[in-house]
Amino acid sequence: MATITKIQPQVKRDGYYNIFVDDAFFCSLSDLQVSVLSLKVGQDLTTELQADILKSSKVSKTYSRALYYLQYGPRSVAQMRTYLIQKDYELEYIEPVLETLQSEHYLDDSLLATNFVLERQNSKHRSTRQLNGELRKKGIAPDIIEQVLSELEDDDQLIAIRSLATKKMKQARYQDQTKMTQYLLRQGFTYSNVKEVLAELAFSDNKF
């Protein structure tokens, strides 16, 4: 039967240990995992316990990589899954990590979508159609997208149109109302909202 022959603290990572079985490196574990698994030098390991230790180690490594990715900004569940797969982590360990991250609120697609929409509305003046497309690219589920976008008020879209139109009117070609209307419609804004906003602005060819 295999035996733990050494539990050695890692030099570069506080709170982590290298586990040696029969004098050969077996895996690395956090101090919490060592405690939970009740591991100690001289302990004999059954095949089943070895498998449990390896699984715990791989889940821990997957979790650590996920937290590293989150340091660079919030991610959707789909984005995190894709990232971990691309880094060659196994789905067997990815899925439980995703569940843990969601339970800990490190991953929250509804909150991510809501914050993203608010940011894009304020800084980029996006239409609901554009926002829908951008959220889909992030892998946000259609039902979450529908819920988040349904909470947008018409006033939010009117403000976005007004800001975008005011900015575009600084360019000579967009001082023409027809061209401005066509541009805004291409961005995905509704005709009724575009009409309402542009009626307030002064164009040389006012047609509303």
N, C-alpha and C. Protein backbone atom coordinates (compact mmCIF):
# COMPACT_ATOMS: atom_id res chain seq x y z
N MET A 1 0.85 -1.20 0.00
CA MET A 1 0.00 0.00 0.00
C MET A 1 0.89 1.25 0.00
N ALA A 2 0.47 2.26 -0.76
CA ALA A 2 1.22 3.51 -0.83
C ALA A 2 1.19 4.22 0.51
N THR A 3 2.29 4.95 0.78
CA THR A 3 2.41 5.64 2.07
C THR A 3 2.89 7.07 1.87
N ILE A 4 2.31 8.00 2.62
CA ILE A 4 2.80 9.38 2.60
C ILE A 4 4.14 9.44 3.32
N THR A 5 5.16 9.88 2.59
CA THR A 5 6.50 9.91 3.18
C THR A 5 6.97 11.33 3.51
N LYS A 6 6.30 12.34 2.95
CA LYS A 6 6.70 13.71 3.27
C LYS A 6 5.54 14.67 2.94
N ILE A 7 5.35 15.65 3.80
CA ILE A 7 4.44 16.76 3.55
C ILE A 7 5.27 18.02 3.72
N GLN A 8 5.63 18.62 2.58
CA GLN A 8 6.63 19.69 2.57
C GLN A 8 6.01 21.04 2.19
N PRO A 9 6.19 22.08 3.02
CA PRO A 9 5.66 23.41 2.69
C PRO A 9 6.28 23.91 1.38
N GLN A 10 5.46 24.53 0.54
CA GLN A 10 5.98 25.10 -0.70
C GLN A 10 6.72 26.40 -0.41
N VAL A 11 7.77 26.65 -1.14
CA VAL A 11 8.59 27.84 -0.92
C VAL A 11 7.91 29.10 -1.44
N LYS A 12 7.26 29.01 -2.60
CA LYS A 12 6.72 30.20 -3.26
C LYS A 12 5.26 30.48 -2.95
N ARG A 13 4.58 29.52 -2.32
CA ARG A 13 3.17 29.74 -2.00
C ARG A 13 2.90 29.40 -0.53
N ASP A 14 2.63 30.43 0.23
CA ASP A 14 2.30 30.21 1.64
C ASP A 14 0.99 29.44 1.74
N GLY A 15 0.93 28.51 2.68
CA GLY A 15 -0.31 27.78 2.90
C GLY A 15 -0.51 26.60 1.98
N TYR A 16 0.51 26.26 1.20
CA TYR A 16 0.42 25.10 0.29
C TYR A 16 1.54 24.11 0.59
N TYR A 17 1.23 22.85 0.36
CA TYR A 17 2.18 21.78 0.67
C TYR A 17 2.34 20.82 -0.50
N ASN A 18 3.55 20.32 -0.67
CA ASN A 18 3.81 19.25 -1.63
C ASN A 18 3.69 17.92 -0.88
N ILE A 19 2.90 17.03 -1.45
CA ILE A 19 2.69 15.72 -0.83
C ILE A 19 3.53 14.68 -1.57
N PHE A 20 4.33 13.93 -0.83
CA PHE A 20 5.15 12.87 -1.41
C PHE A 20 4.63 11.52 -0.95
N VAL A 21 4.47 10.62 -1.91
CA VAL A 21 4.02 9.26 -1.62
C VAL A 21 5.11 8.29 -2.07
N ASP A 22 5.55 7.46 -1.17
CA ASP A 22 6.66 6.52 -1.44
C ASP A 22 7.87 7.27 -2.00
N ASP A 23 8.15 8.42 -1.38
CA ASP A 23 9.32 9.26 -1.70
C ASP A 23 9.26 9.91 -3.08
N ALA A 24 8.10 9.89 -3.72
CA ALA A 24 7.93 10.55 -5.02
C ALA A 24 6.84 11.62 -4.90
N PHE A 25 7.05 12.75 -5.61
CA PHE A 25 6.04 13.81 -5.57
C PHE A 25 4.70 13.26 -6.06
N PHE A 26 3.65 13.55 -5.30
CA PHE A 26 2.32 13.04 -5.65
C PHE A 26 1.39 14.16 -6.12
N CYS A 27 1.30 15.23 -5.32
CA CYS A 27 0.46 16.37 -5.69
C CYS A 27 0.71 17.51 -4.71
N SER A 28 0.07 18.65 -4.96
CA SER A 28 0.14 19.77 -4.02
C SER A 28 -1.26 20.04 -3.48
N LEU A 29 -1.33 20.46 -2.22
CA LEU A 29 -2.61 20.73 -1.56
C LEU A 29 -2.47 21.97 -0.67
N SER A 30 -3.60 22.63 -0.43
CA SER A 30 -3.60 23.74 0.52
C SER A 30 -3.59 23.18 1.94
N ASP A 31 -3.26 24.04 2.89
CA ASP A 31 -3.27 23.58 4.28
C ASP A 31 -4.66 23.15 4.71
N LEU A 32 -5.69 23.82 4.16
CA LEU A 32 -7.07 23.44 4.49
C LEU A 32 -7.38 22.04 3.98
N GLN A 33 -6.93 21.74 2.75
CA GLN A 33 -7.18 20.41 2.19
C GLN A 33 -6.45 19.33 2.98
N VAL A 34 -5.23 19.62 3.37
CA VAL A 34 -4.47 18.66 4.19
C VAL A 34 -5.22 18.37 5.48
N SER A 35 -5.78 19.44 6.06
CA SER A 35 -6.52 19.29 7.32
C SER A 35 -7.82 18.52 7.12
N VAL A 36 -8.57 18.88 6.08
CA VAL A 36 -9.86 18.22 5.82
C VAL A 36 -9.67 16.74 5.53
N LEU A 37 -8.61 16.42 4.78
CA LEU A 37 -8.35 15.02 4.43
C LEU A 37 -7.60 14.27 5.53
N SER A 38 -7.22 15.02 6.59
CA SER A 38 -6.51 14.43 7.74
C SER A 38 -5.25 13.68 7.32
N LEU A 39 -4.46 14.31 6.47
CA LEU A 39 -3.25 13.66 5.96
C LEU A 39 -2.07 13.86 6.91
N LYS A 40 -1.25 12.85 7.03
CA LYS A 40 -0.06 12.95 7.88
C LYS A 40 1.02 12.00 7.37
N VAL A 41 2.25 12.33 7.67
CA VAL A 41 3.37 11.48 7.26
C VAL A 41 3.23 10.10 7.90
N GLY A 42 3.49 9.08 7.09
CA GLY A 42 3.38 7.70 7.56
C GLY A 42 2.02 7.09 7.32
N GLN A 43 1.09 7.91 6.83
CA GLN A 43 -0.27 7.41 6.60
C GLN A 43 -0.31 6.53 5.35
N ASP A 44 -0.95 5.37 5.47
CA ASP A 44 -1.14 4.50 4.32
C ASP A 44 -2.36 4.97 3.53
N LEU A 45 -2.25 4.90 2.21
CA LEU A 45 -3.30 5.40 1.33
C LEU A 45 -3.90 4.28 0.50
N THR A 46 -5.20 4.12 0.60
CA THR A 46 -5.90 3.19 -0.28
C THR A 46 -5.99 3.81 -1.67
N THR A 47 -6.33 3.01 -2.65
CA THR A 47 -6.50 3.52 -4.02
C THR A 47 -7.58 4.59 -4.05
N GLU A 48 -8.65 4.37 -3.30
CA GLU A 48 -9.76 5.32 -3.28
C GLU A 48 -9.32 6.66 -2.67
N LEU A 49 -8.55 6.60 -1.59
CA LEU A 49 -8.09 7.83 -0.95
C LEU A 49 -7.11 8.57 -1.84
N GLN A 50 -6.28 7.85 -2.55
CA GLN A 50 -5.36 8.50 -3.50
C GLN A 50 -6.15 9.26 -4.56
N ALA A 51 -7.22 8.64 -5.04
CA ALA A 51 -8.06 9.28 -6.06
C ALA A 51 -8.72 10.54 -5.49
N ASP A 52 -9.18 10.47 -4.24
CA ASP A 52 -9.81 11.63 -3.61
C ASP A 52 -8.81 12.77 -3.43
N ILE A 53 -7.59 12.43 -3.06
CA ILE A 53 -6.55 13.44 -2.88
C ILE A 53 -6.23 14.13 -4.20
N LEU A 54 -6.08 13.34 -5.25
CA LEU A 54 -5.78 13.90 -6.57
C LEU A 54 -6.91 14.79 -7.06
N LYS A 55 -8.15 14.35 -6.84
CA LYS A 55 -9.30 15.15 -7.26
C LYS A 55 -9.32 16.48 -6.51
N SER A 56 -9.08 16.43 -5.21
CA SER A 56 -9.05 17.65 -4.41
C SER A 56 -7.97 18.60 -4.90
N SER A 57 -6.82 18.05 -5.26
CA SER A 57 -5.72 18.86 -5.76
C SER A 57 -6.08 19.53 -7.09
N LYS A 58 -6.70 18.78 -7.99
CA LYS A 58 -7.03 19.32 -9.31
C LYS A 58 -8.15 20.36 -9.22
N VAL A 59 -9.11 20.13 -8.35
CA VAL A 59 -10.17 21.11 -8.16
C VAL A 59 -9.58 22.40 -7.61
N SER A 60 -8.65 22.27 -6.66
CA SER A 60 -8.01 23.44 -6.07
C SER A 60 -7.23 24.24 -7.11
N LYS A 61 -6.50 23.55 -7.98
CA LYS A 61 -5.73 24.23 -9.02
C LYS A 61 -6.66 24.94 -10.01
N THR A 62 -7.77 24.29 -10.33
CA THR A 62 -8.74 24.89 -11.25
C THR A 62 -9.35 26.14 -10.62
N TYR A 63 -9.68 26.05 -9.36
CA TYR A 63 -10.26 27.17 -8.62
C TYR A 63 -9.28 28.34 -8.57
N SER A 64 -8.03 28.06 -8.29
CA SER A 64 -7.00 29.11 -8.21
C SER A 64 -6.83 29.81 -9.55
N ARG A 65 -6.86 29.05 -10.63
CA ARG A 65 -6.74 29.65 -11.97
C ARG A 65 -7.95 30.52 -12.27
N ALA A 66 -9.11 30.10 -11.84
CA ALA A 66 -10.33 30.89 -12.06
C ALA A 66 -10.24 32.22 -11.32
N LEU A 67 -9.78 32.19 -10.08
CA LEU A 67 -9.63 33.43 -9.31
C LEU A 67 -8.60 34.36 -9.96
N TYR A 68 -7.56 33.79 -10.52
CA TYR A 68 -6.55 34.58 -11.23
C TYR A 68 -7.19 35.32 -12.41
N TYR A 69 -8.02 34.62 -13.16
CA TYR A 69 -8.69 35.22 -14.31
C TYR A 69 -9.63 36.35 -13.88
N LEU A 70 -10.27 36.18 -12.73
CA LEU A 70 -11.21 37.19 -12.24
C LEU A 70 -10.50 38.47 -11.78
N GLN A 71 -9.19 38.39 -11.57
CA GLN A 71 -8.45 39.59 -11.17
C GLN A 71 -8.49 40.65 -12.26
N TYR A 72 -8.72 40.23 -13.49
CA TYR A 72 -8.69 41.15 -14.63
C TYR A 72 -10.08 41.67 -15.00
N GLY A 73 -11.09 41.33 -14.20
CA GLY A 73 -12.42 41.85 -14.45
C GLY A 73 -13.48 40.77 -14.30
N PRO A 74 -14.74 41.19 -14.14
CA PRO A 74 -15.83 40.22 -13.98
C PRO A 74 -16.02 39.39 -15.25
N ARG A 75 -16.44 38.16 -15.08
CA ARG A 75 -16.65 37.25 -16.21
C ARG A 75 -18.00 36.56 -16.08
N SER A 76 -18.52 36.14 -17.21
CA SER A 76 -19.73 35.33 -17.19
C SER A 76 -19.33 33.88 -16.95
N VAL A 77 -20.31 33.06 -16.61
CA VAL A 77 -20.05 31.63 -16.42
C VAL A 77 -19.48 31.04 -17.70
N ALA A 78 -20.06 31.40 -18.84
CA ALA A 78 -19.60 30.87 -20.12
C ALA A 78 -18.17 31.30 -20.42
N GLN A 79 -17.84 32.55 -20.15
CA GLN A 79 -16.48 33.02 -20.38
C GLN A 79 -15.48 32.28 -19.51
N MET A 80 -15.85 32.04 -18.26
CA MET A 80 -14.96 31.33 -17.35
C MET A 80 -14.76 29.89 -17.81
N ARG A 81 -15.83 29.24 -18.21
CA ARG A 81 -15.73 27.85 -18.68
C ARG A 81 -14.81 27.77 -19.90
N THR A 82 -15.00 28.67 -20.85
CA THR A 82 -14.18 28.68 -22.06
C THR A 82 -12.71 28.91 -21.72
N TYR A 83 -12.45 29.85 -20.82
CA TYR A 83 -11.08 30.17 -20.42
C TYR A 83 -10.39 28.95 -19.81
N LEU A 84 -11.07 28.28 -18.89
CA LEU A 84 -10.47 27.13 -18.21
C LEU A 84 -10.24 25.97 -19.17
N ILE A 85 -11.15 25.78 -20.11
CA ILE A 85 -10.97 24.73 -21.12
C ILE A 85 -9.74 25.04 -21.97
N GLN A 86 -9.62 26.31 -22.37
CA GLN A 86 -8.47 26.72 -23.19
C GLN A 86 -7.15 26.55 -22.43
N LYS A 87 -7.21 26.61 -21.11
CA LYS A 87 -6.01 26.42 -20.29
C LYS A 87 -5.79 24.94 -19.94
N ASP A 88 -6.57 24.08 -20.61
CA ASP A 88 -6.41 22.62 -20.49
C ASP A 88 -6.83 22.05 -19.14
N TYR A 89 -7.73 22.73 -18.45
CA TYR A 89 -8.31 22.13 -17.24
C TYR A 89 -9.46 21.21 -17.67
N GLU A 90 -9.69 20.18 -16.89
CA GLU A 90 -10.67 19.16 -17.27
C GLU A 90 -12.08 19.55 -16.82
N LEU A 91 -13.07 19.24 -17.69
CA LEU A 91 -14.46 19.58 -17.39
C LEU A 91 -14.92 18.94 -16.08
N GLU A 92 -14.38 17.78 -15.78
CA GLU A 92 -14.74 17.09 -14.54
C GLU A 92 -14.49 17.96 -13.32
N TYR A 93 -13.49 18.84 -13.42
CA TYR A 93 -13.14 19.71 -12.30
C TYR A 93 -13.63 21.14 -12.52
N ILE A 94 -13.85 21.50 -13.77
CA ILE A 94 -14.32 22.85 -14.08
C ILE A 94 -15.73 23.08 -13.56
N GLU A 95 -16.62 22.13 -13.81
CA GLU A 95 -18.03 22.33 -13.45
C GLU A 95 -18.24 22.53 -11.95
N PRO A 96 -17.64 21.71 -11.08
CA PRO A 96 -17.81 21.98 -9.65
C PRO A 96 -17.21 23.32 -9.22
N VAL A 97 -16.14 23.73 -9.88
CA VAL A 97 -15.53 25.03 -9.56
C VAL A 97 -16.48 26.16 -9.96
N LEU A 98 -17.12 26.03 -11.12
CA LEU A 98 -18.08 27.04 -11.56
C LEU A 98 -19.24 27.14 -10.57
N GLU A 99 -19.70 26.01 -10.08
CA GLU A 99 -20.79 26.01 -9.10
C GLU A 99 -20.35 26.71 -7.81
N THR A 100 -19.13 26.43 -7.38
CA THR A 100 -18.61 27.08 -6.17
C THR A 100 -18.49 28.58 -6.36
N LEU A 101 -17.97 29.00 -7.50
CA LEU A 101 -17.80 30.43 -7.77
C LEU A 101 -19.14 31.15 -7.81
N GLN A 102 -20.16 30.48 -8.32
CA GLN A 102 -21.50 31.08 -8.34
C GLN A 102 -22.08 31.17 -6.93
N SER A 103 -21.89 30.13 -6.14
CA SER A 103 -22.41 30.15 -4.77
C SER A 103 -21.71 31.21 -3.93
N GLU A 104 -20.45 31.51 -4.28
CA GLU A 104 -19.69 32.54 -3.57
C GLU A 104 -19.86 33.93 -4.20
N HIS A 105 -20.67 33.98 -5.28
CA HIS A 105 -20.97 35.23 -5.99
C HIS A 105 -19.77 35.85 -6.69
N TYR A 106 -18.74 35.04 -6.93
CA TYR A 106 -17.66 35.50 -7.80
C TYR A 106 -18.13 35.52 -9.25
N LEU A 107 -19.05 34.63 -9.57
CA LEU A 107 -19.69 34.60 -10.88
C LEU A 107 -21.17 34.86 -10.68
N ASP A 108 -21.68 35.89 -11.35
CA ASP A 108 -23.09 36.25 -11.24
C ASP A 108 -23.51 36.88 -12.56
N ASP A 109 -24.08 36.08 -13.44
CA ASP A 109 -24.40 36.57 -14.78
C ASP A 109 -25.43 37.70 -14.77
N SER A 110 -26.39 37.64 -13.86
CA SER A 110 -27.41 38.69 -13.79
C SER A 110 -26.78 40.03 -13.39
N LEU A 111 -25.94 39.99 -12.38
CA LEU A 111 -25.28 41.22 -11.92
C LEU A 111 -24.32 41.73 -12.98
N LEU A 112 -23.58 40.83 -13.61
CA LEU A 112 -22.65 41.23 -14.66
C LEU A 112 -23.40 41.92 -15.80
N ALA A 113 -24.52 41.32 -16.22
CA ALA A 113 -25.30 41.88 -17.33
C ALA A 113 -25.86 43.25 -16.97
N THR A 114 -26.37 43.38 -15.75
CA THR A 114 -26.94 44.66 -15.30
C THR A 114 -25.87 45.75 -15.29
N ASN A 115 -24.74 45.46 -14.70
CA ASN A 115 -23.66 46.45 -14.63
C ASN A 115 -23.11 46.79 -16.01
N PHE A 116 -23.03 45.78 -16.87
CA PHE A 116 -22.53 46.00 -18.23
C PHE A 116 -23.47 46.94 -18.99
N VAL A 117 -24.76 46.69 -18.87
CA VAL A 117 -25.75 47.53 -19.57
C VAL A 117 -25.68 48.97 -19.07
N LEU A 118 -25.59 49.16 -17.78
CA LEU A 118 -25.50 50.51 -17.23
C LEU A 118 -24.25 51.23 -17.73
N GLU A 119 -23.13 50.53 -17.74
CA GLU A 119 -21.87 51.13 -18.19
C GLU A 119 -21.94 51.49 -19.66
N ARG A 120 -22.47 50.58 -20.47
CA ARG A 120 -22.53 50.83 -21.92
C ARG A 120 -23.54 51.93 -22.24
N GLN A 121 -24.61 51.99 -21.48
CA GLN A 121 -25.59 53.04 -21.68
C GLN A 121 -24.98 54.41 -21.40
N ASN A 122 -24.20 54.48 -20.34
CA ASN A 122 -23.65 55.77 -19.92
C ASN A 122 -22.46 56.21 -20.76
N SER A 123 -21.63 55.26 -21.18
CA SER A 123 -20.39 55.64 -21.86
C SER A 123 -20.44 55.49 -23.38
N LYS A 124 -21.24 54.54 -23.86
CA LYS A 124 -21.24 54.25 -25.29
C LYS A 124 -22.58 54.53 -25.97
N HIS A 125 -23.61 54.83 -25.16
CA HIS A 125 -24.93 55.16 -25.70
C HIS A 125 -25.46 54.06 -26.62
N ARG A 126 -25.50 52.85 -26.11
CA ARG A 126 -25.90 51.70 -26.91
C ARG A 126 -27.42 51.54 -26.97
N SER A 127 -27.89 51.00 -28.08
CA SER A 127 -29.31 50.64 -28.21
C SER A 127 -29.52 49.27 -27.58
N THR A 128 -30.79 48.93 -27.34
CA THR A 128 -31.07 47.61 -26.75
C THR A 128 -30.63 46.50 -27.69
N ARG A 129 -30.73 46.71 -28.99
CA ARG A 129 -30.29 45.68 -29.94
C ARG A 129 -28.79 45.46 -29.83
N GLN A 130 -28.04 46.54 -29.74
CA GLN A 130 -26.58 46.41 -29.59
C GLN A 130 -26.22 45.74 -28.27
N LEU A 131 -26.91 46.12 -27.21
CA LEU A 131 -26.65 45.53 -25.90
C LEU A 131 -26.95 44.04 -25.90
N ASN A 132 -28.02 43.67 -26.56
CA ASN A 132 -28.39 42.25 -26.68
C ASN A 132 -27.26 41.47 -27.34
N GLY A 133 -26.74 42.00 -28.43
CA GLY A 133 -25.66 41.32 -29.15
C GLY A 133 -24.39 41.21 -28.32
N GLU A 134 -24.06 42.27 -27.61
CA GLU A 134 -22.84 42.27 -26.79
C GLU A 134 -22.95 41.28 -25.63
N LEU A 135 -24.13 41.20 -25.03
CA LEU A 135 -24.32 40.26 -23.92
C LEU A 135 -24.28 38.82 -24.40
N ARG A 136 -24.82 38.57 -25.59
CA ARG A 136 -24.76 37.21 -26.15
C ARG A 136 -23.32 36.79 -26.40
N LYS A 137 -22.50 37.73 -26.83
CA LYS A 137 -21.09 37.41 -27.05
C LYS A 137 -20.39 37.02 -25.75
N LYS A 138 -20.89 37.53 -24.65
CA LYS A 138 -20.32 37.18 -23.35
C LYS A 138 -20.86 35.85 -22.83
N GLY A 139 -21.79 35.26 -23.58
CA GLY A 139 -22.34 33.98 -23.17
C GLY A 139 -23.46 34.08 -22.16
N ILE A 140 -24.04 35.26 -22.00
CA ILE A 140 -25.15 35.44 -21.07
C ILE A 140 -26.40 34.75 -21.64
N ALA A 141 -27.11 34.03 -20.80
CA ALA A 141 -28.30 33.29 -21.24
C ALA A 141 -29.39 34.25 -21.73
N PRO A 142 -30.14 33.85 -22.77
CA PRO A 142 -31.19 34.71 -23.34
C PRO A 142 -32.21 35.19 -22.31
N ASP A 143 -32.58 34.33 -21.36
CA ASP A 143 -33.59 34.76 -20.38
C ASP A 143 -33.06 35.86 -19.46
N ILE A 144 -31.77 35.80 -19.14
CA ILE A 144 -31.17 36.86 -18.32
C ILE A 144 -31.09 38.15 -19.11
N ILE A 145 -30.70 38.05 -20.38
CA ILE A 145 -30.62 39.23 -21.24
C ILE A 145 -31.99 39.90 -21.34
N GLU A 146 -33.01 39.08 -21.58
CA GLU A 146 -34.37 39.61 -21.71
C GLU A 146 -34.80 40.34 -20.44
N GLN A 147 -34.50 39.73 -19.29
CA GLN A 147 -34.89 40.32 -18.02
C GLN A 147 -34.18 41.66 -17.79
N VAL A 148 -32.87 41.68 -18.05
CA VAL A 148 -32.09 42.90 -17.81
C VAL A 148 -32.52 44.02 -18.76
N LEU A 149 -32.70 43.69 -20.02
CA LEU A 149 -33.07 44.72 -21.00
C LEU A 149 -34.50 45.20 -20.80
N SER A 150 -35.36 44.34 -20.25
CA SER A 150 -36.75 44.74 -20.01
C SER A 150 -36.84 45.80 -18.92
N GLU A 151 -35.80 45.90 -18.10
CA GLU A 151 -35.78 46.88 -17.02
C GLU A 151 -35.32 48.26 -17.49
N LEU A 152 -34.84 48.33 -18.74
CA LEU A 152 -34.44 49.62 -19.29
C LEU A 152 -35.69 50.45 -19.57
N GLU A 153 -35.69 51.67 -19.15
CA GLU A 153 -36.80 52.57 -19.42
C GLU A 153 -36.60 53.24 -20.77
N ASP A 154 -37.71 53.66 -21.38
CA ASP A 154 -37.61 54.41 -22.63
C ASP A 154 -36.74 55.64 -22.44
N ASP A 155 -36.81 56.22 -21.24
CA ASP A 155 -36.01 57.42 -20.97
C ASP A 155 -34.52 57.13 -21.13
N ASP A 156 -34.11 55.91 -20.76
CA ASP A 156 -32.70 55.54 -20.91
C ASP A 156 -32.28 55.56 -22.37
N GLN A 157 -33.15 55.04 -23.22
CA GLN A 157 -32.85 55.02 -24.65
C GLN A 157 -32.91 56.43 -25.25
N LEU A 158 -33.83 57.25 -24.77
CA LEU A 158 -33.92 58.62 -25.26
C LEU A 158 -32.66 59.41 -24.89
N ILE A 159 -32.18 59.19 -23.69
CA ILE A 159 -30.94 59.85 -23.25
C ILE A 159 -29.77 59.40 -24.12
N ALA A 160 -29.72 58.10 -24.40
CA ALA A 160 -28.64 57.56 -25.23
C ALA A 160 -28.68 58.16 -26.63
N ILE A 161 -29.88 58.24 -27.20
CA ILE A 161 -30.04 58.81 -28.54
C ILE A 161 -29.64 60.28 -28.54
N ARG A 162 -30.10 61.00 -27.55
CA ARG A 162 -29.80 62.43 -27.47
C ARG A 162 -28.28 62.67 -27.36
N SER A 163 -27.63 61.90 -26.53
CA SER A 163 -26.18 62.06 -26.36
C SER A 163 -25.43 61.73 -27.64
N LEU A 164 -25.85 60.64 -28.28
CA LEU A 164 -25.18 60.22 -29.51
C LEU A 164 -25.44 61.21 -30.64
N ALA A 165 -26.67 61.68 -30.75
CA ALA A 165 -27.02 62.62 -31.82
C ALA A 165 -26.28 63.95 -31.63
N THR A 166 -26.24 64.43 -30.41
CA THR A 166 -25.54 65.69 -30.13
C THR A 166 -24.07 65.60 -30.51
N LYS A 167 -23.47 64.47 -30.20
CA LYS A 167 -22.06 64.25 -30.54
C LYS A 167 -21.88 64.19 -32.06
N LYS A 168 -22.76 63.46 -32.74
CA LYS A 168 -22.62 63.28 -34.19
C LYS A 168 -22.89 64.57 -34.96
N MET A 169 -23.72 65.45 -34.40
CA MET A 169 -24.06 66.69 -35.11
C MET A 169 -22.86 67.61 -35.28
N LYS A 170 -21.77 67.33 -34.59
CA LYS A 170 -20.56 68.12 -34.76
C LYS A 170 -19.91 67.85 -36.11
N GLN A 171 -20.34 66.73 -36.74
CA GLN A 171 -19.85 66.40 -38.08
C GLN A 171 -20.86 66.92 -39.10
N ALA A 172 -20.36 67.57 -40.13
CA ALA A 172 -21.23 68.24 -41.10
C ALA A 172 -22.28 67.31 -41.70
N ARG A 173 -21.90 66.09 -42.05
CA ARG A 173 -22.83 65.19 -42.73
C ARG A 173 -24.03 64.84 -41.86
N TYR A 174 -23.84 64.85 -40.54
CA TYR A 174 -24.93 64.47 -39.65
C TYR A 174 -25.77 65.67 -39.21
N GLN A 175 -25.50 66.84 -39.79
CA GLN A 175 -26.39 67.97 -39.58
C GLN A 175 -27.61 67.85 -40.50
N ASP A 176 -27.55 66.86 -41.36
CA ASP A 176 -28.68 66.50 -42.21
C ASP A 176 -29.54 65.49 -41.44
N GLN A 177 -30.80 65.82 -41.21
CA GLN A 177 -31.65 64.99 -40.36
C GLN A 177 -31.86 63.59 -40.93
N THR A 178 -32.00 63.50 -42.24
CA THR A 178 -32.22 62.19 -42.86
C THR A 178 -31.04 61.26 -42.59
N LYS A 179 -29.85 61.79 -42.77
CA LYS A 179 -28.65 60.96 -42.53
C LYS A 179 -28.52 60.60 -41.05
N MET A 180 -28.86 61.55 -40.18
CA MET A 180 -28.80 61.26 -38.74
C MET A 180 -29.81 60.17 -38.38
N THR A 181 -31.00 60.27 -38.95
CA THR A 181 -32.04 59.27 -38.68
C THR A 181 -31.57 57.89 -39.12
N GLN A 182 -31.04 57.82 -40.32
CA GLN A 182 -30.57 56.53 -40.85
C GLN A 182 -29.46 55.95 -39.97
N TYR A 183 -28.57 56.82 -39.52
CA TYR A 183 -27.46 56.37 -38.67
C TYR A 183 -27.99 55.78 -37.36
N LEU A 184 -28.90 56.49 -36.71
CA LEU A 184 -29.43 56.04 -35.42
C LEU A 184 -30.24 54.75 -35.56
N LEU A 185 -30.97 54.63 -36.64
CA LEU A 185 -31.73 53.40 -36.87
C LEU A 185 -30.78 52.22 -37.08
N ARG A 186 -29.67 52.46 -37.75
CA ARG A 186 -28.68 51.39 -37.95
C ARG A 186 -28.08 50.94 -36.62
N GLN A 187 -28.05 51.84 -35.65
CA GLN A 187 -27.51 51.48 -34.33
C GLN A 187 -28.49 50.63 -33.52
N GLY A 188 -29.73 50.51 -34.04
CA GLY A 188 -30.70 49.64 -33.36
C GLY A 188 -31.74 50.37 -32.53
N PHE A 189 -31.74 51.69 -32.56
CA PHE A 189 -32.76 52.44 -31.83
C PHE A 189 -34.08 52.39 -32.60
N THR A 190 -35.19 52.47 -31.89
CA THR A 190 -36.49 52.41 -32.55
C THR A 190 -36.81 53.73 -33.24
N TYR A 191 -37.62 53.65 -34.30
CA TYR A 191 -37.96 54.85 -35.06
C TYR A 191 -38.70 55.86 -34.18
N SER A 192 -39.60 55.37 -33.33
CA SER A 192 -40.39 56.28 -32.50
C SER A 192 -39.49 57.07 -31.54
N ASN A 193 -38.50 56.40 -30.97
CA ASN A 193 -37.59 57.10 -30.06
C ASN A 193 -36.69 58.08 -30.80
N VAL A 194 -36.21 57.65 -31.97
CA VAL A 194 -35.36 58.53 -32.79
C VAL A 194 -36.15 59.77 -33.19
N LYS A 195 -37.38 59.56 -33.63
CA LYS A 195 -38.24 60.68 -34.05
C LYS A 195 -38.45 61.66 -32.91
N GLU A 196 -38.72 61.13 -31.72
CA GLU A 196 -38.99 61.99 -30.56
C GLU A 196 -37.78 62.87 -30.22
N VAL A 197 -36.61 62.29 -30.25
CA VAL A 197 -35.41 63.04 -29.89
C VAL A 197 -35.03 64.04 -30.97
N LEU A 198 -35.02 63.60 -32.22
CA LEU A 198 -34.57 64.49 -33.29
C LEU A 198 -35.51 65.65 -33.52
N ALA A 199 -36.77 65.51 -33.12
CA ALA A 199 -37.72 66.61 -33.25
C ALA A 199 -37.33 67.79 -32.36
N GLU A 200 -36.53 67.50 -31.34
CA GLU A 200 -36.08 68.56 -30.42
C GLU A 200 -34.87 69.31 -30.96
N LEU A 201 -34.17 68.72 -31.92
CA LEU A 201 -32.92 69.29 -32.40
C LEU A 201 -33.13 70.08 -33.68
N ALA A 202 -32.23 71.01 -33.92
CA ALA A 202 -32.35 71.89 -35.09
C ALA A 202 -31.57 71.32 -36.26
N PHE A 203 -32.31 70.93 -37.32
CA PHE A 203 -31.69 70.44 -38.54
C PHE A 203 -32.11 71.33 -39.70
N SER A 204 -31.25 71.39 -40.71
CA SER A 204 -31.56 72.21 -41.88
C SER A 204 -32.70 71.62 -42.70
N ASP A 205 -32.91 70.30 -42.57
CA ASP A 205 -33.95 69.65 -43.38
C ASP A 205 -34.97 68.97 -42.46
N ASN A 206 -35.40 69.66 -41.40
CA ASN A 206 -36.32 69.06 -40.42
C ASN A 206 -37.54 68.49 -41.12
N LYS A 207 -37.72 67.16 -40.98
CA LYS A 207 -38.80 66.48 -41.70
C LYS A 207 -39.82 65.84 -40.77
N PHE A 208 -39.65 65.96 -39.49
CA PHE A 208 -40.61 65.37 -38.55
C PHE A 208 -41.74 66.35 -38.27
